[in-house]
Amino acid sequence: MRENQNAPLVSAPEAGKPSGRSDAASAATPERFAFGKNWQRFLGVLDDERIAEAELSLVGMLGKDGLAERSFLDVGSGSGLFSLAAARLGAKRIHSFDFDVESVACTAELKRRYGSGREDWAIERGDILDSAYVDGLGTWDVVYAWGVLHHTGDLLQALINIERTVSPGGRLFISVYNDQGFRSKLWLRIKRTYNALPGVLKPAFAFAVMFPREALFLGGCLLARDPLAYVRSWTEYKRSRGMSRWHDLVDWVGGYPFEVAKPEEVFDFYGIRGFTLEQLKTCAGGIGCNEYVFRRQAL
């Protein structure tokens, strides 16, 4: 994403043609993480409990009836878990798309297993950076992009394009990596290194990168005389949006392209476009994503 971490998000030029991406870029290359392969591995551990946790995470940000009888656009659907969660929460029409062909296949497989043959749930390959494609999507009551836009290679254009898909009075639920300044630049180097390695070395590299952080946390648990707290950080991780800790760690170490933004940049960006912030969940200035729910001004 933004390699110049000091560049103000909202002051970047908006005119001109979006960068776009070729079909060849959908596969993992030294410049791109294999998001779809990671999601397909995650599908192997998906169960009803994880699906229920995904539903709870949507309810927590959108409200108990926030999806009932509303249309739902899943931008960068990945595993398809949150399209399924939206379906179970009463969404009346669902459209899932992803740039990564293996993620599209993963979403389709998840729908086959759990979607009960819903005909109002469409799945396809698409690119949020392709303005013509985005315009063809029309507008939706709830637009969802969790941990997606900062991996497109052009965060600014992705933020511009996605807002066009939100209906008047509709809501936009996004998450974007927090800007940690120098630390974010360091993570950018780590992610580039991961993706340049041969496949057989990538798991070991991910383990080596995360080991100091894990060891520090374990040490803190031991000092607090609560070693099971570390165990629970793994066994109960599914309570975090139904995710898998190992798959999330691999995604964090390898997830590239990679851009970040400060909360105030995101606020300002959508504030001047007629959106009001309804919900905010930050990572307290640390590593991870800040989550935002905006509502577009009604006509």
C-alpha atoms as a PDB file:
ATOM      1  CA  MET A   1       0.000   0.000   0.000  1.00  0.00           C
ATOM      2  CA  ARG A   2       1.409   3.378   0.899  1.00  0.00           C
ATOM      3  CA  GLU A   3       5.140   2.882   1.073  1.00  0.00           C
ATOM      4  CA  ASN A   4       5.566   6.533   1.966  1.00  0.00           C
ATOM      5  CA  GLN A   5       4.183   6.284   5.482  1.00  0.00           C
ATOM      6  CA  ASN A   6       4.356  10.072   5.922  1.00  0.00           C
ATOM      7  CA  ALA A   7       2.106  10.856   2.978  1.00  0.00           C
ATOM      8  CA  PRO A   8      -1.287  12.188   4.176  1.00  0.00           C
ATOM      9  CA  LEU A   9      -4.006   9.842   3.024  1.00  0.00           C
ATOM     10  CA  VAL A  10      -6.593  12.474   2.168  1.00  0.00           C
ATOM     11  CA  SER A  11      -4.238  14.816   0.345  1.00  0.00           C
ATOM     12  CA  ALA A  12      -3.152  12.318  -2.298  1.00  0.00           C
ATOM     13  CA  PRO A  13      -4.451  13.079  -5.802  1.00  0.00           C
ATOM     14  CA  GLU A  14      -7.729  11.416  -6.667  1.00  0.00           C
ATOM     15  CA  ALA A  15      -7.791  12.157 -10.371  1.00  0.00           C
ATOM     16  CA  GLY A  16      -6.551   9.752 -12.985  1.00  0.00           C
ATOM     17  CA  LYS A  17      -6.915   6.100 -13.821  1.00  0.00           C
ATOM     18  CA  PRO A  18      -6.674   3.507 -11.043  1.00  0.00           C
ATOM     19  CA  SER A  19      -3.652   1.281 -11.167  1.00  0.00           C
ATOM     20  CA  GLY A  20      -5.503  -1.929 -11.968  1.00  0.00           C
ATOM     21  CA  ARG A  21      -3.971  -5.404 -11.847  1.00  0.00           C
ATOM     22  CA  SER A  22      -3.428  -8.133 -14.371  1.00  0.00           C
ATOM     23  CA  ASP A  23      -4.816 -11.660 -14.094  1.00  0.00           C
ATOM     24  CA  ALA A  24      -1.305 -12.916 -13.551  1.00  0.00           C
ATOM     25  CA  ALA A  25      -1.114 -10.972 -10.337  1.00  0.00           C
ATOM     26  CA  SER A  26      -3.805 -13.158  -8.790  1.00  0.00           C
ATOM     27  CA  ALA A  27      -1.246 -15.869  -8.144  1.00  0.00           C
ATOM     28  CA  ALA A  28       1.361 -15.573  -5.421  1.00  0.00           C
ATOM     29  CA  THR A  29       4.495 -13.853  -6.674  1.00  0.00           C
ATOM     30  CA  PRO A  30       7.534 -12.424  -4.889  1.00  0.00           C
ATOM     31  CA  GLU A  31       5.448  -9.234  -4.657  1.00  0.00           C
ATOM     32  CA  ARG A  32       2.205 -10.767  -3.382  1.00  0.00           C
ATOM     33  CA  PHE A  33       1.174 -13.031  -0.519  1.00  0.00           C
ATOM     34  CA  ALA A  34      -0.857 -16.178  -1.304  1.00  0.00           C
ATOM     35  CA  PHE A  35      -3.962 -15.030   0.544  1.00  0.00           C
ATOM     36  CA  GLY A  36      -6.196 -17.628  -1.100  1.00  0.00           C
ATOM     37  CA  LYS A  37      -3.994 -20.570  -0.143  1.00  0.00           C
ATOM     38  CA  ASN A  38      -3.961 -19.402   3.461  1.00  0.00           C
ATOM     39  CA  TRP A  39      -7.762 -19.139   3.447  1.00  0.00           C
ATOM     40  CA  GLN A  40      -8.100 -22.608   1.962  1.00  0.00           C
ATOM     41  CA  ARG A  41      -6.023 -23.990   4.838  1.00  0.00           C
ATOM     42  CA  PHE A  42      -8.252 -22.076   7.254  1.00  0.00           C
ATOM     43  CA  LEU A  43     -11.303 -23.761   5.731  1.00  0.00           C
ATOM     44  CA  GLY A  44      -9.922 -27.027   7.087  1.00  0.00           C
ATOM     45  CA  VAL A  45     -10.434 -25.838  10.683  1.00  0.00           C
ATOM     46  CA  LEU A  46     -13.738 -24.002  10.173  1.00  0.00           C
ATOM     47  CA  ASP A  47     -16.584 -25.255  12.340  1.00  0.00           C
ATOM     48  CA  ASP A  48     -19.947 -24.117  13.669  1.00  0.00           C
ATOM     49  CA  GLU A  49     -18.351 -22.417  16.670  1.00  0.00           C
ATOM     50  CA  ARG A  50     -16.156 -20.244  14.467  1.00  0.00           C
ATOM     51  CA  ILE A  51     -19.144 -19.352  12.293  1.00  0.00           C
ATOM     52  CA  ALA A  52     -21.091 -18.308  15.395  1.00  0.00           C
ATOM     53  CA  GLU A  53     -18.192 -16.096  16.519  1.00  0.00           C
ATOM     54  CA  ALA A  54     -18.124 -14.443  13.088  1.00  0.00           C
ATOM     55  CA  GLU A  55     -21.824 -13.673  13.466  1.00  0.00           C
ATOM     56  CA  LEU A  56     -21.210 -12.155  16.895  1.00  0.00           C
ATOM     57  CA  SER A  57     -18.483  -9.901  15.520  1.00  0.00           C
ATOM     58  CA  LEU A  58     -20.882  -8.504  12.912  1.00  0.00           C
ATOM     59  CA  VAL A  59     -23.611  -8.007  15.507  1.00  0.00           C
ATOM     60  CA  GLY A  60     -21.140  -6.245  17.778  1.00  0.00           C
ATOM     61  CA  MET A  61     -20.379  -3.587  15.167  1.00  0.00           C
ATOM     62  CA  LEU A  62     -23.644  -3.434  13.186  1.00  0.00           C
ATOM     63  CA  GLY A  63     -26.258  -4.246  15.815  1.00  0.00           C
ATOM     64  CA  LYS A  64     -28.590  -7.198  16.318  1.00  0.00           C
ATOM     65  CA  ASP A  65     -30.770  -6.354  13.312  1.00  0.00           C
ATOM     66  CA  GLY A  66     -28.103  -4.550  11.316  1.00  0.00           C
ATOM     67  CA  LEU A  67     -28.219  -7.056   8.467  1.00  0.00           C
ATOM     68  CA  ALA A  68     -31.833  -8.207   8.553  1.00  0.00           C
ATOM     69  CA  GLU A  69     -33.442  -7.743   5.133  1.00  0.00           C
ATOM     70  CA  ARG A  70     -30.453  -5.713   3.934  1.00  0.00           C
ATOM     71  CA  SER A  71     -28.175  -6.260   0.961  1.00  0.00           C
ATOM     72  CA  PHE A  72     -24.549  -7.146   1.781  1.00  0.00           C
ATOM     73  CA  LEU A  73     -21.449  -6.607  -0.349  1.00  0.00           C
ATOM     74  CA  ASP A  74     -18.363  -8.549   0.803  1.00  0.00           C
ATOM     75  CA  VAL A  75     -15.294  -6.872  -0.696  1.00  0.00           C
ATOM     76  CA  GLY A  76     -12.345  -9.262  -0.634  1.00  0.00           C
ATOM     77  CA  SER A  77     -14.357 -12.172   0.722  1.00  0.00           C
ATOM     78  CA  GLY A  78     -11.347 -14.398   1.475  1.00  0.00           C
ATOM     79  CA  SER A  79     -12.730 -17.577   3.042  1.00  0.00           C
ATOM     80  CA  GLY A  80     -16.321 -16.372   2.610  1.00  0.00           C
ATOM     81  CA  LEU A  81     -16.925 -16.694   6.360  1.00  0.00           C
ATOM     82  CA  PHE A  82     -18.460 -13.247   6.766  1.00  0.00           C
ATOM     83  CA  SER A  83     -20.701 -13.597   3.741  1.00  0.00           C
ATOM     84  CA  LEU A  84     -22.017 -16.741   5.403  1.00  0.00           C
ATOM     85  CA  ALA A  85     -22.385 -14.918   8.723  1.00  0.00           C
ATOM     86  CA  ALA A  86     -24.331 -12.138   6.987  1.00  0.00           C
ATOM     87  CA  ALA A  87     -26.588 -14.726   5.375  1.00  0.00           C
ATOM     88  CA  ARG A  88     -27.327 -16.302   8.747  1.00  0.00           C
ATOM     89  CA  LEU A  89     -28.060 -12.875  10.203  1.00  0.00           C
ATOM     90  CA  GLY A  90     -30.797 -12.271   7.655  1.00  0.00           C
ATOM     91  CA  ALA A  91     -29.145 -10.452   4.748  1.00  0.00           C
ATOM     92  CA  LYS A  92     -31.522 -10.602   1.800  1.00  0.00           C
ATOM     93  CA  ARG A  93     -28.960 -10.386  -1.005  1.00  0.00           C
ATOM     94  CA  ILE A  94     -25.230 -11.126  -0.836  1.00  0.00           C
ATOM     95  CA  HIS A  95     -22.431 -10.508  -3.305  1.00  0.00           C
ATOM     96  CA  SER A  96     -18.924 -11.810  -2.541  1.00  0.00           C
ATOM     97  CA  PHE A  97     -15.906 -10.985  -4.645  1.00  0.00           C
ATOM     98  CA  ASP A  98     -12.166 -11.269  -4.334  1.00  0.00           C
ATOM     99  CA  PHE A  99      -9.182 -10.506  -6.544  1.00  0.00           C
ATOM    100  CA  ASP A 100      -7.457 -13.768  -5.588  1.00  0.00           C
ATOM    101  CA  VAL A 101      -8.874 -16.696  -7.611  1.00  0.00           C
ATOM    102  CA  GLU A 102      -8.121 -19.177  -4.828  1.00  0.00           C
ATOM    103  CA  SER A 103     -10.053 -17.016  -2.367  1.00  0.00           C
ATOM    104  CA  VAL A 104     -12.996 -17.024  -4.793  1.00  0.00           C
ATOM    105  CA  ALA A 105     -12.810 -20.819  -4.912  1.00  0.00           C
ATOM    106  CA  CYS A 106     -12.631 -20.931  -1.117  1.00  0.00           C
ATOM    107  CA  THR A 107     -15.752 -18.775  -0.768  1.00  0.00           C
ATOM    108  CA  ALA A 108     -17.572 -20.987  -3.276  1.00  0.00           C
ATOM    109  CA  GLU A 109     -16.589 -24.119  -1.342  1.00  0.00           C
ATOM    110  CA  LEU A 110     -17.739 -22.592   1.930  1.00  0.00           C
ATOM    111  CA  LYS A 111     -21.058 -21.722   0.352  1.00  0.00           C
ATOM    112  CA  ARG A 112     -21.363 -25.297  -0.946  1.00  0.00           C
ATOM    113  CA  ARG A 113     -20.807 -26.666   2.555  1.00  0.00           C
ATOM    114  CA  TYR A 114     -22.845 -24.214   4.609  1.00  0.00           C
ATOM    115  CA  GLY A 115     -24.877 -21.980   2.307  1.00  0.00           C
ATOM    116  CA  SER A 116     -27.951 -24.189   1.987  1.00  0.00           C
ATOM    117  CA  GLY A 117     -28.140 -23.543  -1.743  1.00  0.00           C
ATOM    118  CA  ARG A 118     -29.010 -19.857  -1.416  1.00  0.00           C
ATOM    119  CA  GLU A 119     -29.667 -18.402  -4.851  1.00  0.00           C
ATOM    120  CA  ASP A 120     -29.376 -14.801  -3.645  1.00  0.00           C
ATOM    121  CA  TRP A 121     -25.672 -15.239  -2.810  1.00  0.00           C
ATOM    122  CA  ALA A 122     -23.422 -14.463  -5.794  1.00  0.00           C
ATOM    123  CA  ILE A 123     -19.673 -15.147  -5.849  1.00  0.00           C
ATOM    124  CA  GLU A 124     -17.192 -13.942  -8.444  1.00  0.00           C
ATOM    125  CA  ARG A 125     -13.697 -12.686  -9.065  1.00  0.00           C
ATOM    126  CA  GLY A 126     -13.456  -8.907  -9.010  1.00  0.00           C
ATOM    127  CA  ASP A 127     -11.060  -6.084  -8.268  1.00  0.00           C
ATOM    128  CA  ILE A 128     -11.889  -3.145  -6.007  1.00  0.00           C
ATOM    129  CA  LEU A 129      -9.249  -1.142  -7.915  1.00  0.00           C
ATOM    130  CA  ASP A 130     -11.123  -1.625 -11.202  1.00  0.00           C
ATOM    131  CA  SER A 131     -13.416   1.419 -11.322  1.00  0.00           C
ATOM    132  CA  ALA A 132     -15.523   0.044 -14.167  1.00  0.00           C
ATOM    133  CA  TYR A 133     -16.116  -3.198 -12.282  1.00  0.00           C
ATOM    134  CA  VAL A 134     -16.984  -1.315  -9.094  1.00  0.00           C
ATOM    135  CA  ASP A 135     -19.476   0.914 -10.903  1.00  0.00           C
ATOM    136  CA  GLY A 136     -21.157  -2.224 -12.242  1.00  0.00           C
ATOM    137  CA  LEU A 137     -21.796  -3.485  -8.716  1.00  0.00           C
ATOM    138  CA  GLY A 138     -24.343  -0.792  -7.952  1.00  0.00           C
ATOM    139  CA  THR A 139     -24.991   0.242  -4.349  1.00  0.00           C
ATOM    140  CA  TRP A 140     -25.576  -1.847  -1.220  1.00  0.00           C
ATOM    141  CA  ASP A 141     -27.050  -1.403   2.243  1.00  0.00           C
ATOM    142  CA  VAL A 142     -23.988  -2.807   4.023  1.00  0.00           C
ATOM    143  CA  VAL A 143     -20.521  -2.885   2.458  1.00  0.00           C
ATOM    144  CA  TYR A 144     -17.898  -4.940   4.279  1.00  0.00           C
ATOM    145  CA  ALA A 145     -14.118  -5.044   3.779  1.00  0.00           C
ATOM    146  CA  TRP A 146     -12.228  -6.348   6.783  1.00  0.00           C
ATOM    147  CA  GLY A 147      -8.447  -6.364   6.392  1.00  0.00           C
ATOM    148  CA  VAL A 148      -8.677  -6.085   2.611  1.00  0.00           C
ATOM    149  CA  LEU A 149      -8.127  -2.579   1.283  1.00  0.00           C
ATOM    150  CA  HIS A 150      -4.613  -2.244   2.723  1.00  0.00           C
ATOM    151  CA  HIS A 151      -3.571  -5.342   0.741  1.00  0.00           C
ATOM    152  CA  THR A 152      -4.675  -4.120  -2.698  1.00  0.00           C
ATOM    153  CA  GLY A 153      -1.515  -2.237  -3.623  1.00  0.00           C
ATOM    154  CA  ASP A 154      -3.358   1.101  -3.750  1.00  0.00           C
ATOM    155  CA  LEU A 155      -5.142   1.851  -0.481  1.00  0.00           C
ATOM    156  CA  LEU A 156      -6.204   5.333  -1.515  1.00  0.00           C
ATOM    157  CA  GLN A 157      -7.883   4.176  -4.723  1.00  0.00           C
ATOM    158  CA  ALA A 158      -9.529   1.311  -2.863  1.00  0.00           C
ATOM    159  CA  LEU A 159     -11.001   3.742  -0.315  1.00  0.00           C
ATOM    160  CA  ILE A 160     -12.225   5.967  -3.144  1.00  0.00           C
ATOM    161  CA  ASN A 161     -13.811   3.114  -5.077  1.00  0.00           C
ATOM    162  CA  ILE A 162     -15.498   1.337  -2.195  1.00  0.00           C
ATOM    163  CA  GLU A 163     -17.417   4.391  -1.038  1.00  0.00           C
ATOM    164  CA  ARG A 164     -19.236   4.442  -4.383  1.00  0.00           C
ATOM    165  CA  THR A 165     -20.827   1.083  -3.551  1.00  0.00           C
ATOM    166  CA  VAL A 166     -22.601   2.320  -0.401  1.00  0.00           C
ATOM    167  CA  SER A 167     -26.288   3.194  -0.741  1.00  0.00           C
ATOM    168  CA  PRO A 168     -27.587   6.506   0.625  1.00  0.00           C
ATOM    169  CA  GLY A 169     -28.205   5.809   4.298  1.00  0.00           C
ATOM    170  CA  GLY A 170     -26.163   2.617   4.001  1.00  0.00           C
ATOM    171  CA  ARG A 171     -23.187   1.569   6.096  1.00  0.00           C
ATOM    172  CA  LEU A 172     -19.547   0.901   5.348  1.00  0.00           C
ATOM    173  CA  PHE A 173     -17.667  -1.485   7.657  1.00  0.00           C
ATOM    174  CA  ILE A 174     -13.925  -1.524   7.018  1.00  0.00           C
ATOM    175  CA  SER A 175     -10.727  -2.276   8.876  1.00  0.00           C
ATOM    176  CA  VAL A 176      -7.321  -0.839   7.987  1.00  0.00           C
ATOM    177  CA  TYR A 177      -3.885  -1.538   9.426  1.00  0.00           C
ATOM    178  CA  ASN A 178      -2.830   0.973  12.047  1.00  0.00           C
ATOM    179  CA  ASP A 179       0.043   3.294  11.135  1.00  0.00           C
ATOM    180  CA  GLN A 180       2.856   2.697  13.643  1.00  0.00           C
ATOM    181  CA  GLY A 181       5.410   4.874  11.874  1.00  0.00           C
ATOM    182  CA  PHE A 182       8.860   3.251  11.939  1.00  0.00           C
ATOM    183  CA  ARG A 183       7.451  -0.106  13.045  1.00  0.00           C
ATOM    184  CA  SER A 184       5.171  -0.196  10.023  1.00  0.00           C
ATOM    185  CA  LYS A 185       8.177   0.398   7.774  1.00  0.00           C
ATOM    186  CA  LEU A 186       9.959  -2.483   9.480  1.00  0.00           C
ATOM    187  CA  TRP A 187       6.974  -4.755   8.929  1.00  0.00           C
ATOM    188  CA  LEU A 188       6.973  -3.773   5.270  1.00  0.00           C
ATOM    189  CA  ARG A 189      10.533  -5.104   4.954  1.00  0.00           C
ATOM    190  CA  ILE A 190       9.615  -8.305   6.787  1.00  0.00           C
ATOM    191  CA  LYS A 191       6.652  -8.933   4.516  1.00  0.00           C
ATOM    192  CA  ARG A 192       8.708  -8.374   1.386  1.00  0.00           C
ATOM    193  CA  THR A 193      11.318 -10.800   2.672  1.00  0.00           C
ATOM    194  CA  TYR A 194       8.702 -13.455   3.440  1.00  0.00           C
ATOM    195  CA  ASN A 195       7.246 -13.297  -0.055  1.00  0.00           C
ATOM    196  CA  ALA A 196      10.673 -13.489  -1.703  1.00  0.00           C
ATOM    197  CA  LEU A 197      11.518 -16.767   0.082  1.00  0.00           C
ATOM    198  CA  PRO A 198      10.996 -20.262  -1.364  1.00  0.00           C
ATOM    199  CA  GLY A 199       7.730 -21.780  -0.183  1.00  0.00           C
ATOM    200  CA  VAL A 200       9.387 -24.406   2.029  1.00  0.00           C
ATOM    201  CA  LEU A 201      11.106 -21.687   4.080  1.00  0.00           C
ATOM    202  CA  LYS A 202       8.085 -19.453   4.637  1.00  0.00           C
ATOM    203  CA  PRO A 203       6.556 -21.253   7.661  1.00  0.00           C
ATOM    204  CA  ALA A 204       9.928 -21.290   9.445  1.00  0.00           C
ATOM    205  CA  PHE A 205      10.435 -17.589   8.690  1.00  0.00           C
ATOM    206  CA  ALA A 206       6.961 -16.749  10.034  1.00  0.00           C
ATOM    207  CA  PHE A 207       7.730 -18.708  13.209  1.00  0.00           C
ATOM    208  CA  ALA A 208      11.099 -16.984  13.640  1.00  0.00           C
ATOM    209  CA  VAL A 209       9.564 -13.524  13.195  1.00  0.00           C
ATOM    210  CA  MET A 210       6.780 -14.086  15.696  1.00  0.00           C
ATOM    211  CA  PHE A 211       8.773 -16.137  18.229  1.00  0.00           C
ATOM    212  CA  PRO A 212      10.186 -13.155  20.202  1.00  0.00           C
ATOM    213  CA  ARG A 213       6.715 -11.645  20.583  1.00  0.00           C
ATOM    214  CA  GLU A 214       5.232 -14.977  21.596  1.00  0.00           C
ATOM    215  CA  ALA A 215       8.069 -15.644  24.034  1.00  0.00           C
ATOM    216  CA  LEU A 216       7.603 -12.218  25.628  1.00  0.00           C
ATOM    217  CA  PHE A 217       3.909 -12.848  26.098  1.00  0.00           C
ATOM    218  CA  LEU A 218       4.562 -16.313  27.538  1.00  0.00           C
ATOM    219  CA  GLY A 219       7.120 -14.830  29.918  1.00  0.00           C
ATOM    220  CA  GLY A 220       4.588 -12.304  31.127  1.00  0.00           C
ATOM    221  CA  CYS A 221       2.059 -15.075  31.737  1.00  0.00           C
ATOM    222  CA  LEU A 222       4.621 -17.061  33.725  1.00  0.00           C
ATOM    223  CA  LEU A 223       5.524 -14.023  35.833  1.00  0.00           C
ATOM    224  CA  ALA A 224       1.831 -13.513  36.512  1.00  0.00           C
ATOM    225  CA  ARG A 225       1.641 -17.190  37.534  1.00  0.00           C
ATOM    226  CA  ASP A 226      -0.956 -17.813  34.870  1.00  0.00           C
ATOM    227  CA  PRO A 227       0.716 -19.962  32.174  1.00  0.00           C
ATOM    228  CA  LEU A 228      -2.700 -21.109  30.975  1.00  0.00           C
ATOM    229  CA  ALA A 229      -3.354 -17.571  29.757  1.00  0.00           C
ATOM    230  CA  TYR A 230      -0.864 -18.247  26.987  1.00  0.00           C
ATOM    231  CA  VAL A 231      -2.526 -21.556  26.163  1.00  0.00           C
ATOM    232  CA  ARG A 232      -5.902 -19.818  26.031  1.00  0.00           C
ATOM    233  CA  SER A 233      -4.507 -17.241  23.607  1.00  0.00           C
ATOM    234  CA  TRP A 234      -4.317 -20.123  21.142  1.00  0.00           C
ATOM    235  CA  THR A 235      -7.199 -22.370  22.108  1.00  0.00           C
ATOM    236  CA  GLU A 236      -9.707 -19.519  22.488  1.00  0.00           C
ATOM    237  CA  TYR A 237      -8.536 -17.424  19.570  1.00  0.00           C
ATOM    238  CA  LYS A 238     -11.564 -18.480  17.585  1.00  0.00           C
ATOM    239  CA  ARG A 239     -13.485 -16.006  19.730  1.00  0.00           C
ATOM    240  CA  SER A 240     -11.728 -13.303  17.719  1.00  0.00           C
ATOM    241  CA  ARG A 241     -14.117 -13.139  14.772  1.00  0.00           C
ATOM    242  CA  GLY A 242     -13.989 -16.936  14.405  1.00  0.00           C
ATOM    243  CA  MET A 243     -10.427 -16.775  13.160  1.00  0.00           C
ATOM    244  CA  SER A 244      -7.434 -19.121  13.592  1.00  0.00           C
ATOM    245  CA  ARG A 245      -4.408 -17.713  15.421  1.00  0.00           C
ATOM    246  CA  TRP A 246      -1.814 -19.538  13.307  1.00  0.00           C
ATOM    247  CA  HIS A 247      -3.437 -18.556  10.017  1.00  0.00           C
ATOM    248  CA  ASP A 248      -3.702 -14.958  11.204  1.00  0.00           C
ATOM    249  CA  LEU A 249      -0.020 -14.931  12.222  1.00  0.00           C
ATOM    250  CA  VAL A 250       0.998 -16.207   8.796  1.00  0.00           C
ATOM    251  CA  ASP A 251      -1.243 -13.606   7.163  1.00  0.00           C
ATOM    252  CA  TRP A 252       0.323 -10.883   9.322  1.00  0.00           C
ATOM    253  CA  VAL A 253       3.923 -11.858   8.583  1.00  0.00           C
ATOM    254  CA  GLY A 254       3.349 -12.448   4.878  1.00  0.00           C
ATOM    255  CA  GLY A 255       0.435 -10.166   4.001  1.00  0.00           C
ATOM    256  CA  TYR A 256       1.768  -8.052   1.137  1.00  0.00           C
ATOM    257  CA  PRO A 257       1.049  -5.601  -0.494  1.00  0.00           C
ATOM    258  CA  PHE A 258       0.844  -3.678   2.777  1.00  0.00           C
ATOM    259  CA  GLU A 259      -0.255  -0.141   3.624  1.00  0.00           C
ATOM    260  CA  VAL A 260      -1.343   1.596   6.795  1.00  0.00           C
ATOM    261  CA  ALA A 261      -3.362   4.627   7.877  1.00  0.00           C
ATOM    262  CA  LYS A 262      -3.929   6.654  11.022  1.00  0.00           C
ATOM    263  CA  PRO A 263      -7.490   6.756  12.371  1.00  0.00           C
ATOM    264  CA  GLU A 264      -7.749  10.504  11.839  1.00  0.00           C
ATOM    265  CA  GLU A 265      -6.813  10.072   8.182  1.00  0.00           C
ATOM    266  CA  VAL A 266      -9.660   7.611   7.684  1.00  0.00           C
ATOM    267  CA  PHE A 267     -12.086   9.848   9.637  1.00  0.00           C
ATOM    268  CA  ASP A 268     -11.239  12.872   7.519  1.00  0.00           C
ATOM    269  CA  PHE A 269     -11.296  10.938   4.274  1.00  0.00           C
ATOM    270  CA  TYR A 270     -14.879   9.771   4.717  1.00  0.00           C
ATOM    271  CA  GLY A 271     -16.092  12.774   6.693  1.00  0.00           C
ATOM    272  CA  ILE A 272     -15.658  15.092   3.716  1.00  0.00           C
ATOM    273  CA  ARG A 273     -17.546  12.566   1.570  1.00  0.00           C
ATOM    274  CA  GLY A 274     -20.744  12.686   3.602  1.00  0.00           C
ATOM    275  CA  PHE A 275     -20.118   9.755   5.944  1.00  0.00           C
ATOM    276  CA  THR A 276     -20.617   9.778   9.717  1.00  0.00           C
ATOM    277  CA  LEU A 277     -18.631   7.497  12.024  1.00  0.00           C
ATOM    278  CA  GLU A 278     -20.966   5.208  13.996  1.00  0.00           C
ATOM    279  CA  GLN A 279     -18.607   2.643  15.486  1.00  0.00           C
ATOM    280  CA  LEU A 280     -14.857   2.531  16.127  1.00  0.00           C
ATOM    281  CA  LYS A 281     -12.651  -0.201  17.544  1.00  0.00           C
ATOM    282  CA  THR A 282      -8.940   0.586  17.646  1.00  0.00           C
ATOM    283  CA  CYS A 283      -5.865  -1.508  18.402  1.00  0.00           C
ATOM    284  CA  ALA A 284      -4.818   1.116  20.988  1.00  0.00           C
ATOM    285  CA  GLY A 285      -2.017   2.449  18.822  1.00  0.00           C
ATOM    286  CA  GLY A 286      -0.360  -0.956  18.507  1.00  0.00           C
ATOM    287  CA  ILE A 287      -0.067  -3.687  15.929  1.00  0.00           C
ATOM    288  CA  GLY A 288      -3.197  -4.682  14.041  1.00  0.00           C
ATOM    289  CA  CYS A 289      -6.270  -3.145  12.469  1.00  0.00           C
ATOM    290  CA  ASN A 290      -8.548  -0.280  13.395  1.00  0.00           C
ATOM    291  CA  GLU A 291     -12.200  -1.050  12.641  1.00  0.00           C
ATOM    292  CA  TYR A 292     -14.677   1.566  11.429  1.00  0.00           C
ATOM    293  CA  VAL A 293     -18.395   1.615  10.704  1.00  0.00           C
ATOM    294  CA  PHE A 294     -19.491   4.672   8.737  1.00  0.00           C
ATOM    295  CA  ARG A 295     -23.001   5.617   7.633  1.00  0.00           C
ATOM    296  CA  ARG A 296     -23.525   7.457   4.385  1.00  0.00           C
ATOM    297  CA  GLN A 297     -25.770  10.484   4.481  1.00  0.00           C
ATOM    298  CA  ALA A 298     -29.282   9.670   3.273  1.00  0.00           C
ATOM    299  CA  LEU A 299     -30.733  11.561   0.342  1.00  0.00           C
END
